[in-house]
Amino acid sequence: ELKVEYLPEDAQRRIEELKSLEFIENHRNVIMLGNSGTGKTHLAIAMGIEACEKGYNVSFKTAAKLVNELKEAKDERQLTKYARIFEKYDMVILDELGYISFDTEGSELLFQYIAMRYERKSTVITTNLIFSDWIKTFHDTALTMALLDRITHNAIILNMNGESYRRRQGAKK
């Protein structure tokens, strides 16, 4: 169960806007940046469930899993087929961007697939990295800047820094 009072202030302030799912209709992205344990994934899943209940097509994957799937699709010469499936999702939740860095091929594939959704569909991204550190994940300045330019344009950006829910639970015991 999502305990709104445990979410960082920025998320609490914008929870009604997120629950309305208007961002999906407006093809806006949602980017949640913050340290571990502050509810980014939990909130993203809650938004995904709400969207499913309202009839939207939703995909949830870690960034690493998506990159692995894209590489496999490329190896099997199935990228076009994968793109057709990927484009049908009204909302793609890309969890844990920045926890694992990608090689050049992975970075380029992820860029292509996120760029494909730009201003056409919504992508929800959870990350522990501030934007200036995304270069550590993608290793290419031009690609990182182009990606950030697309995903942050007209996006809802939430500061999810706060006390770790898991640490809070440990302190209660």
N, C-alpha and C. Protein backbone atom coordinates (compact mmCIF):
# COMPACT_ATOMS: atom_id res chain seq x y z
N GLU A 1 0.84 -1.18 0.00
CA GLU A 1 0.00 0.00 0.00
C GLU A 1 0.89 1.25 0.00
N LEU A 2 0.54 2.21 -0.84
CA LEU A 2 1.31 3.45 -0.95
C LEU A 2 0.92 4.39 0.20
N LYS A 3 1.88 4.69 1.04
CA LYS A 3 1.64 5.62 2.15
C LYS A 3 2.17 6.99 1.72
N VAL A 4 1.22 7.82 1.28
CA VAL A 4 1.57 9.13 0.72
C VAL A 4 2.38 9.96 1.70
N GLU A 5 2.08 9.84 2.99
CA GLU A 5 2.80 10.66 3.98
C GLU A 5 4.28 10.30 4.09
N TYR A 6 4.66 9.12 3.61
CA TYR A 6 6.06 8.72 3.62
C TYR A 6 6.83 9.19 2.39
N LEU A 7 6.12 9.65 1.39
CA LEU A 7 6.77 10.12 0.16
C LEU A 7 7.45 11.47 0.42
N PRO A 8 8.51 11.76 -0.33
CA PRO A 8 9.12 13.09 -0.23
C PRO A 8 8.10 14.18 -0.55
N GLU A 9 8.35 15.37 -0.03
CA GLU A 9 7.44 16.50 -0.14
C GLU A 9 6.95 16.79 -1.56
N ASP A 10 7.87 16.79 -2.51
CA ASP A 10 7.53 17.10 -3.90
C ASP A 10 6.48 16.11 -4.44
N ALA A 11 6.64 14.83 -4.13
CA ALA A 11 5.68 13.82 -4.57
C ALA A 11 4.34 14.00 -3.87
N GLN A 12 4.37 14.30 -2.58
CA GLN A 12 3.12 14.53 -1.84
C GLN A 12 2.34 15.69 -2.45
N ARG A 13 3.06 16.75 -2.80
CA ARG A 13 2.44 17.94 -3.36
C ARG A 13 1.79 17.68 -4.71
N ARG A 14 2.35 16.72 -5.48
CA ARG A 14 1.87 16.50 -6.85
C ARG A 14 1.12 15.18 -7.03
N ILE A 15 0.78 14.53 -5.91
CA ILE A 15 0.17 13.21 -5.97
C ILE A 15 -1.17 13.23 -6.72
N GLU A 16 -1.98 14.24 -6.53
CA GLU A 16 -3.28 14.30 -7.21
C GLU A 16 -3.09 14.44 -8.73
N GLU A 17 -2.13 15.25 -9.12
CA GLU A 17 -1.81 15.41 -10.54
C GLU A 17 -1.38 14.07 -11.14
N LEU A 18 -0.56 13.32 -10.40
CA LEU A 18 -0.11 12.02 -10.89
C LEU A 18 -1.26 11.02 -10.93
N LYS A 19 -2.09 11.00 -9.89
CA LYS A 19 -3.23 10.07 -9.84
C LYS A 19 -4.24 10.32 -10.96
N SER A 20 -4.35 11.57 -11.41
CA SER A 20 -5.30 11.91 -12.47
C SER A 20 -4.90 11.29 -13.81
N LEU A 21 -3.63 10.95 -13.95
CA LEU A 21 -3.06 10.37 -15.18
C LEU A 21 -3.17 11.30 -16.38
N GLU A 22 -3.42 12.58 -16.13
CA GLU A 22 -3.49 13.56 -17.22
C GLU A 22 -2.22 13.58 -18.05
N PHE A 23 -1.10 13.32 -17.39
CA PHE A 23 0.18 13.32 -18.10
C PHE A 23 0.19 12.31 -19.24
N ILE A 24 -0.54 11.22 -19.10
CA ILE A 24 -0.60 10.23 -20.19
C ILE A 24 -1.35 10.82 -21.38
N GLU A 25 -2.48 11.45 -21.11
CA GLU A 25 -3.27 12.06 -22.18
C GLU A 25 -2.47 13.17 -22.89
N ASN A 26 -1.63 13.86 -22.12
CA ASN A 26 -0.85 14.97 -22.67
C ASN A 26 0.53 14.54 -23.16
N HIS A 27 0.79 13.23 -23.16
CA HIS A 27 2.06 12.67 -23.64
C HIS A 27 3.26 13.29 -22.95
N ARG A 28 3.14 13.46 -21.64
CA ARG A 28 4.23 14.02 -20.84
C ARG A 28 4.97 12.89 -20.14
N ASN A 29 6.24 13.11 -19.90
CA ASN A 29 7.03 12.16 -19.13
C ASN A 29 7.00 12.55 -17.66
N VAL A 30 7.30 11.56 -16.82
CA VAL A 30 7.45 11.81 -15.39
C VAL A 30 8.83 11.27 -15.02
N ILE A 31 9.63 12.12 -14.40
CA ILE A 31 10.98 11.71 -13.99
C ILE A 31 11.09 11.90 -12.49
N MET A 32 11.40 10.80 -11.81
CA MET A 32 11.56 10.82 -10.36
C MET A 32 13.03 10.63 -10.04
N LEU A 33 13.66 11.67 -9.47
CA LEU A 33 15.08 11.62 -9.11
C LEU A 33 15.23 11.62 -7.60
N GLY A 34 16.03 10.69 -7.09
CA GLY A 34 16.26 10.72 -5.66
C GLY A 34 17.04 9.52 -5.17
N ASN A 35 17.44 9.62 -3.92
CA ASN A 35 18.22 8.54 -3.32
C ASN A 35 17.38 7.28 -3.13
N SER A 36 18.04 6.18 -2.83
CA SER A 36 17.37 4.89 -2.67
C SER A 36 16.41 4.89 -1.49
N GLY A 37 15.32 4.16 -1.66
CA GLY A 37 14.39 3.92 -0.57
C GLY A 37 13.37 5.00 -0.31
N THR A 38 13.20 5.94 -1.25
CA THR A 38 12.29 7.06 -1.01
C THR A 38 10.93 6.90 -1.68
N GLY A 39 10.70 5.75 -2.32
CA GLY A 39 9.37 5.49 -2.87
C GLY A 39 9.22 5.68 -4.37
N LYS A 40 10.31 5.87 -5.09
CA LYS A 40 10.22 6.10 -6.54
C LYS A 40 9.56 4.92 -7.25
N THR A 41 10.09 3.73 -7.02
CA THR A 41 9.54 2.54 -7.69
C THR A 41 8.13 2.27 -7.21
N HIS A 42 7.90 2.40 -5.93
CA HIS A 42 6.57 2.16 -5.36
C HIS A 42 5.54 3.09 -6.01
N LEU A 43 5.89 4.37 -6.11
CA LEU A 43 4.98 5.35 -6.72
C LEU A 43 4.78 5.04 -8.21
N ALA A 44 5.85 4.68 -8.91
CA ALA A 44 5.74 4.34 -10.33
C ALA A 44 4.81 3.14 -10.53
N ILE A 45 4.94 2.12 -9.68
CA ILE A 45 4.07 0.94 -9.78
C ILE A 45 2.62 1.33 -9.50
N ALA A 46 2.39 2.15 -8.48
CA ALA A 46 1.03 2.61 -8.17
C ALA A 46 0.42 3.35 -9.36
N MET A 47 1.22 4.20 -10.01
CA MET A 47 0.75 4.92 -11.20
C MET A 47 0.44 3.93 -12.32
N GLY A 48 1.29 2.93 -12.47
CA GLY A 48 1.08 1.91 -13.51
C GLY A 48 -0.18 1.12 -13.28
N ILE A 49 -0.44 0.72 -12.03
CA ILE A 49 -1.66 -0.02 -11.71
C ILE A 49 -2.89 0.84 -11.99
N GLU A 50 -2.83 2.09 -11.56
CA GLU A 50 -3.94 3.02 -11.81
C GLU A 50 -4.21 3.16 -13.31
N ALA A 51 -3.14 3.28 -14.08
CA ALA A 51 -3.28 3.41 -15.53
C ALA A 51 -3.89 2.14 -16.14
N CYS A 52 -3.45 0.96 -15.68
CA CYS A 52 -4.03 -0.31 -16.16
C CYS A 52 -5.52 -0.37 -15.86
N GLU A 53 -5.87 0.03 -14.63
CA GLU A 53 -7.28 0.00 -14.23
C GLU A 53 -8.13 0.94 -15.07
N LYS A 54 -7.50 1.99 -15.63
CA LYS A 54 -8.24 2.94 -16.47
C LYS A 54 -8.16 2.56 -17.95
N GLY A 55 -7.59 1.38 -18.25
CA GLY A 55 -7.58 0.89 -19.62
C GLY A 55 -6.35 1.24 -20.45
N TYR A 56 -5.35 1.81 -19.84
CA TYR A 56 -4.13 2.13 -20.58
C TYR A 56 -3.23 0.89 -20.68
N ASN A 57 -2.44 0.82 -21.73
CA ASN A 57 -1.43 -0.22 -21.89
C ASN A 57 -0.16 0.27 -21.22
N VAL A 58 0.37 -0.54 -20.29
CA VAL A 58 1.51 -0.13 -19.48
C VAL A 58 2.58 -1.21 -19.52
N SER A 59 3.84 -0.79 -19.56
CA SER A 59 4.97 -1.70 -19.46
C SER A 59 5.85 -1.22 -18.31
N PHE A 60 6.34 -2.18 -17.51
CA PHE A 60 7.26 -1.87 -16.42
C PHE A 60 8.51 -2.71 -16.61
N LYS A 61 9.66 -2.06 -16.70
CA LYS A 61 10.94 -2.76 -16.84
C LYS A 61 12.02 -1.94 -16.16
N THR A 62 13.04 -2.64 -15.67
CA THR A 62 14.21 -1.89 -15.25
C THR A 62 14.91 -1.44 -16.53
N ALA A 63 15.68 -0.38 -16.43
CA ALA A 63 16.43 0.11 -17.60
C ALA A 63 17.37 -0.99 -18.10
N ALA A 64 18.01 -1.72 -17.19
CA ALA A 64 18.94 -2.78 -17.59
C ALA A 64 18.22 -3.89 -18.36
N LYS A 65 17.02 -4.26 -17.92
CA LYS A 65 16.26 -5.31 -18.61
C LYS A 65 15.86 -4.84 -20.01
N LEU A 66 15.41 -3.59 -20.12
CA LEU A 66 15.04 -3.08 -21.44
C LEU A 66 16.24 -3.10 -22.38
N VAL A 67 17.39 -2.65 -21.91
CA VAL A 67 18.59 -2.64 -22.76
C VAL A 67 18.93 -4.07 -23.19
N ASN A 68 18.86 -5.02 -22.26
CA ASN A 68 19.14 -6.42 -22.62
C ASN A 68 18.15 -6.93 -23.66
N GLU A 69 16.87 -6.62 -23.51
CA GLU A 69 15.85 -7.04 -24.48
C GLU A 69 16.11 -6.40 -25.85
N LEU A 70 16.49 -5.13 -25.85
CA LEU A 70 16.78 -4.44 -27.11
C LEU A 70 17.98 -5.07 -27.82
N LYS A 71 19.00 -5.41 -27.05
CA LYS A 71 20.19 -6.05 -27.65
C LYS A 71 19.83 -7.42 -28.22
N GLU A 72 19.02 -8.18 -27.49
CA GLU A 72 18.58 -9.50 -27.99
C GLU A 72 17.76 -9.34 -29.27
N ALA A 73 16.85 -8.36 -29.26
CA ALA A 73 16.02 -8.11 -30.45
C ALA A 73 16.89 -7.72 -31.64
N LYS A 74 17.91 -6.91 -31.38
CA LYS A 74 18.83 -6.52 -32.46
C LYS A 74 19.57 -7.74 -32.99
N ASP A 75 20.08 -8.58 -32.09
CA ASP A 75 20.80 -9.79 -32.50
C ASP A 75 19.93 -10.72 -33.33
N GLU A 76 18.63 -10.74 -33.01
CA GLU A 76 17.69 -11.61 -33.73
C GLU A 76 17.02 -10.89 -34.91
N ARG A 77 17.51 -9.69 -35.21
CA ARG A 77 16.97 -8.87 -36.29
C ARG A 77 15.46 -8.63 -36.12
N GLN A 78 15.09 -8.33 -34.87
CA GLN A 78 13.68 -8.13 -34.52
C GLN A 78 13.41 -6.73 -33.94
N LEU A 79 14.32 -5.79 -34.17
CA LEU A 79 14.14 -4.45 -33.58
C LEU A 79 12.88 -3.75 -34.08
N THR A 80 12.55 -3.90 -35.34
CA THR A 80 11.35 -3.25 -35.89
C THR A 80 10.10 -3.83 -35.24
N LYS A 81 10.07 -5.14 -35.09
CA LYS A 81 8.94 -5.80 -34.44
C LYS A 81 8.84 -5.33 -32.98
N TYR A 82 9.98 -5.27 -32.29
CA TYR A 82 10.01 -4.81 -30.90
C TYR A 82 9.52 -3.37 -30.81
N ALA A 83 9.91 -2.54 -31.76
CA ALA A 83 9.49 -1.13 -31.78
C ALA A 83 7.98 -1.01 -31.91
N ARG A 84 7.37 -1.84 -32.76
CA ARG A 84 5.90 -1.79 -32.93
C ARG A 84 5.19 -2.11 -31.62
N ILE A 85 5.72 -3.08 -30.88
CA ILE A 85 5.13 -3.44 -29.58
C ILE A 85 5.35 -2.29 -28.59
N PHE A 86 6.57 -1.79 -28.54
CA PHE A 86 6.96 -0.73 -27.60
C PHE A 86 6.14 0.54 -27.81
N GLU A 87 5.84 0.85 -29.07
CA GLU A 87 5.07 2.06 -29.40
C GLU A 87 3.62 1.99 -28.94
N LYS A 88 3.11 0.79 -28.73
CA LYS A 88 1.70 0.62 -28.35
C LYS A 88 1.44 0.94 -26.89
N TYR A 89 2.50 0.95 -26.08
CA TYR A 89 2.31 1.24 -24.66
C TYR A 89 2.00 2.72 -24.47
N ASP A 90 0.93 3.00 -23.73
CA ASP A 90 0.59 4.39 -23.40
C ASP A 90 1.57 4.94 -22.38
N MET A 91 2.07 4.02 -21.54
CA MET A 91 2.98 4.43 -20.47
C MET A 91 4.03 3.34 -20.30
N VAL A 92 5.29 3.73 -20.40
CA VAL A 92 6.40 2.82 -20.13
C VAL A 92 7.07 3.31 -18.86
N ILE A 93 7.18 2.41 -17.89
CA ILE A 93 7.89 2.74 -16.66
C ILE A 93 9.29 2.14 -16.78
N LEU A 94 10.26 3.00 -16.74
CA LEU A 94 11.67 2.61 -16.85
C LEU A 94 12.30 2.82 -15.48
N ASP A 95 12.48 1.73 -14.76
CA ASP A 95 12.91 1.79 -13.37
C ASP A 95 14.43 1.66 -13.26
N GLU A 96 14.97 2.32 -12.27
CA GLU A 96 16.39 2.20 -11.91
C GLU A 96 17.36 2.63 -13.00
N LEU A 97 17.03 3.69 -13.74
CA LEU A 97 17.98 4.22 -14.71
C LEU A 97 19.15 4.82 -13.93
N GLY A 98 20.37 4.42 -14.26
CA GLY A 98 21.54 4.95 -13.59
C GLY A 98 22.18 4.00 -12.61
N TYR A 99 21.50 2.91 -12.28
CA TYR A 99 22.11 1.95 -11.37
C TYR A 99 23.19 1.15 -12.07
N ILE A 100 23.02 0.94 -13.36
CA ILE A 100 23.98 0.19 -14.17
C ILE A 100 24.31 1.05 -15.39
N SER A 101 25.60 1.17 -15.72
CA SER A 101 25.96 1.93 -16.92
C SER A 101 25.90 1.01 -18.13
N PHE A 102 25.72 1.59 -19.30
CA PHE A 102 25.55 0.82 -20.52
C PHE A 102 26.74 1.00 -21.44
N ASP A 103 26.97 0.00 -22.29
CA ASP A 103 27.98 0.14 -23.33
C ASP A 103 27.39 1.02 -24.44
N THR A 104 28.18 1.31 -25.45
CA THR A 104 27.74 2.20 -26.53
C THR A 104 26.49 1.68 -27.21
N GLU A 105 26.47 0.40 -27.54
CA GLU A 105 25.30 -0.17 -28.21
C GLU A 105 24.05 -0.04 -27.34
N GLY A 106 24.17 -0.38 -26.06
CA GLY A 106 23.03 -0.28 -25.15
C GLY A 106 22.53 1.15 -25.01
N SER A 107 23.45 2.09 -24.89
CA SER A 107 23.09 3.51 -24.77
C SER A 107 22.36 3.99 -26.01
N GLU A 108 22.88 3.64 -27.18
CA GLU A 108 22.26 4.07 -28.44
C GLU A 108 20.87 3.46 -28.62
N LEU A 109 20.72 2.18 -28.30
CA LEU A 109 19.41 1.54 -28.42
C LEU A 109 18.40 2.17 -27.47
N LEU A 110 18.81 2.38 -26.22
CA LEU A 110 17.90 2.99 -25.25
C LEU A 110 17.51 4.39 -25.70
N PHE A 111 18.47 5.15 -26.19
CA PHE A 111 18.18 6.48 -26.71
C PHE A 111 17.13 6.41 -27.82
N GLN A 112 17.32 5.51 -28.78
CA GLN A 112 16.38 5.39 -29.90
C GLN A 112 14.97 5.09 -29.43
N TYR A 113 14.85 4.18 -28.47
CA TYR A 113 13.53 3.77 -28.02
C TYR A 113 12.85 4.82 -27.15
N ILE A 114 13.62 5.55 -26.36
CA ILE A 114 13.02 6.64 -25.59
C ILE A 114 12.66 7.80 -26.53
N ALA A 115 13.55 8.09 -27.47
CA ALA A 115 13.29 9.18 -28.44
C ALA A 115 12.06 8.89 -29.28
N MET A 116 11.84 7.62 -29.61
CA MET A 116 10.68 7.21 -30.41
C MET A 116 9.37 7.61 -29.73
N ARG A 117 9.35 7.64 -28.40
CA ARG A 117 8.14 7.94 -27.64
C ARG A 117 7.94 9.45 -27.43
N TYR A 118 8.97 10.24 -27.72
CA TYR A 118 8.97 11.67 -27.44
C TYR A 118 7.74 12.37 -28.03
N GLU A 119 6.99 13.04 -27.14
CA GLU A 119 5.78 13.80 -27.48
C GLU A 119 4.67 12.94 -28.10
N ARG A 120 4.81 11.62 -28.02
CA ARG A 120 3.77 10.74 -28.56
C ARG A 120 3.18 9.83 -27.48
N LYS A 121 4.01 9.49 -26.51
CA LYS A 121 3.60 8.60 -25.41
C LYS A 121 4.31 9.04 -24.14
N SER A 122 3.88 8.50 -23.00
CA SER A 122 4.49 8.87 -21.72
C SER A 122 5.50 7.82 -21.26
N THR A 123 6.60 8.32 -20.75
CA THR A 123 7.60 7.45 -20.15
C THR A 123 7.83 7.95 -18.73
N VAL A 124 7.80 7.02 -17.79
CA VAL A 124 8.05 7.33 -16.38
C VAL A 124 9.43 6.75 -16.06
N ILE A 125 10.30 7.58 -15.56
CA ILE A 125 11.67 7.15 -15.27
C ILE A 125 11.96 7.35 -13.79
N THR A 126 12.49 6.30 -13.15
CA THR A 126 13.00 6.45 -11.79
C THR A 126 14.52 6.36 -11.87
N THR A 127 15.18 7.22 -11.13
CA THR A 127 16.65 7.25 -11.17
C THR A 127 17.21 7.77 -9.85
N ASN A 128 18.39 7.30 -9.52
CA ASN A 128 19.09 7.80 -8.34
C ASN A 128 20.11 8.88 -8.72
N LEU A 129 20.19 9.21 -10.01
CA LEU A 129 21.19 10.16 -10.49
C LEU A 129 20.59 11.52 -10.82
N ILE A 130 21.30 12.57 -10.44
CA ILE A 130 20.93 13.90 -10.92
C ILE A 130 21.31 13.96 -12.40
N PHE A 131 20.68 14.85 -13.14
CA PHE A 131 20.87 14.89 -14.59
C PHE A 131 22.33 15.02 -15.00
N SER A 132 23.09 15.81 -14.27
CA SER A 132 24.50 16.02 -14.66
C SER A 132 25.33 14.74 -14.53
N ASP A 133 24.82 13.75 -13.80
CA ASP A 133 25.54 12.48 -13.67
C ASP A 133 25.11 11.42 -14.68
N TRP A 134 24.14 11.72 -15.53
CA TRP A 134 23.67 10.72 -16.50
C TRP A 134 24.76 10.32 -17.49
N ILE A 135 25.76 11.17 -17.68
CA ILE A 135 26.88 10.85 -18.56
C ILE A 135 27.58 9.57 -18.08
N LYS A 136 27.53 9.31 -16.76
CA LYS A 136 28.15 8.10 -16.21
C LYS A 136 27.44 6.83 -16.67
N THR A 137 26.17 6.95 -17.01
CA THR A 137 25.39 5.80 -17.48
C THR A 137 25.55 5.62 -18.99
N PHE A 138 25.54 6.75 -19.72
CA PHE A 138 25.53 6.67 -21.19
C PHE A 138 26.89 6.88 -21.84
N HIS A 139 27.85 7.45 -21.13
CA HIS A 139 29.24 7.62 -21.59
C HIS A 139 29.44 8.47 -22.84
N ASP A 140 28.42 9.09 -23.35
CA ASP A 140 28.54 9.89 -24.57
C ASP A 140 27.82 11.21 -24.31
N THR A 141 28.57 12.30 -24.33
CA THR A 141 28.01 13.60 -23.98
C THR A 141 26.88 14.01 -24.92
N ALA A 142 27.10 13.91 -26.22
CA ALA A 142 26.08 14.35 -27.18
C ALA A 142 24.79 13.52 -27.03
N LEU A 143 24.95 12.21 -26.90
CA LEU A 143 23.78 11.34 -26.75
C LEU A 143 23.06 11.64 -25.44
N THR A 144 23.80 11.82 -24.37
CA THR A 144 23.19 12.12 -23.06
C THR A 144 22.43 13.44 -23.12
N MET A 145 23.03 14.45 -23.72
CA MET A 145 22.37 15.76 -23.83
C MET A 145 21.10 15.67 -24.68
N ALA A 146 21.17 14.93 -25.78
CA ALA A 146 20.00 14.78 -26.66
C ALA A 146 18.88 14.04 -25.93
N LEU A 147 19.25 13.00 -25.18
CA LEU A 147 18.27 12.23 -24.43
C LEU A 147 17.61 13.10 -23.36
N LEU A 148 18.43 13.81 -22.59
CA LEU A 148 17.89 14.68 -21.55
C LEU A 148 17.00 15.77 -22.13
N ASP A 149 17.40 16.32 -23.27
CA ASP A 149 16.61 17.36 -23.93
C ASP A 149 15.21 16.84 -24.24
N ARG A 150 15.13 15.62 -24.77
CA ARG A 150 13.83 15.04 -25.14
C ARG A 150 13.00 14.65 -23.92
N ILE A 151 13.61 13.93 -22.99
CA ILE A 151 12.78 13.41 -21.90
C ILE A 151 12.38 14.47 -20.88
N THR A 152 13.15 15.55 -20.75
CA THR A 152 12.79 16.57 -19.77
C THR A 152 11.87 17.63 -20.36
N HIS A 153 11.80 17.74 -21.68
CA HIS A 153 10.93 18.73 -22.30
C HIS A 153 9.48 18.46 -21.89
N ASN A 154 8.85 19.42 -21.25
CA ASN A 154 7.46 19.34 -20.83
C ASN A 154 7.20 18.20 -19.84
N ALA A 155 8.24 17.75 -19.14
CA ALA A 155 8.09 16.63 -18.20
C ALA A 155 7.72 17.11 -16.80
N ILE A 156 7.14 16.21 -16.04
CA ILE A 156 6.94 16.42 -14.61
C ILE A 156 8.18 15.84 -13.94
N ILE A 157 8.93 16.69 -13.28
CA ILE A 157 10.17 16.25 -12.65
C ILE A 157 10.00 16.35 -11.14
N LEU A 158 10.13 15.19 -10.47
CA LEU A 158 9.92 15.14 -9.03
C LEU A 158 11.24 14.94 -8.30
N ASN A 159 11.48 15.77 -7.30
CA ASN A 159 12.62 15.59 -6.41
C ASN A 159 12.18 14.57 -5.37
N MET A 160 12.74 13.36 -5.46
CA MET A 160 12.36 12.28 -4.55
C MET A 160 13.43 12.01 -3.49
N ASN A 161 14.27 13.00 -3.21
CA ASN A 161 15.25 12.84 -2.15
C ASN A 161 14.55 12.93 -0.81
N GLY A 162 14.96 12.06 0.09
CA GLY A 162 14.34 12.06 1.42
C GLY A 162 14.88 10.90 2.22
N GLU A 163 14.21 10.66 3.34
CA GLU A 163 14.62 9.57 4.22
C GLU A 163 14.20 8.24 3.61
N SER A 164 15.08 7.27 3.68
CA SER A 164 14.80 5.94 3.15
C SER A 164 13.70 5.27 3.96
N TYR A 165 12.69 4.81 3.26
CA TYR A 165 11.59 4.09 3.89
C TYR A 165 12.12 2.83 4.59
N ARG A 166 13.05 2.13 3.94
CA ARG A 166 13.60 0.90 4.52
C ARG A 166 14.38 1.21 5.81
N ARG A 167 15.14 2.30 5.81
CA ARG A 167 15.87 2.68 7.03
C ARG A 167 14.91 3.07 8.14
N ARG A 168 13.83 3.74 7.75
CA ARG A 168 12.81 4.15 8.71
C ARG A 168 12.17 2.91 9.36
N GLN A 169 11.91 1.89 8.56
CA GLN A 169 11.33 0.64 9.05
C GLN A 169 12.30 -0.06 10.01
N GLY A 170 13.59 -0.05 9.65
CA GLY A 170 14.60 -0.67 10.49
C GLY A 170 14.73 0.02 11.84
N ALA A 171 14.57 1.33 11.85
CA ALA A 171 14.68 2.11 13.09
C ALA A 171 13.52 1.82 14.04
N LYS A 172 12.36 1.42 13.50
CA LYS A 172 11.17 1.14 14.31
C LYS A 172 11.29 -0.18 15.05
N LYS A 173 12.10 -1.09 14.53
CA LYS A 173 12.17 -2.43 15.13
C LYS A 173 12.98 -2.48 16.39
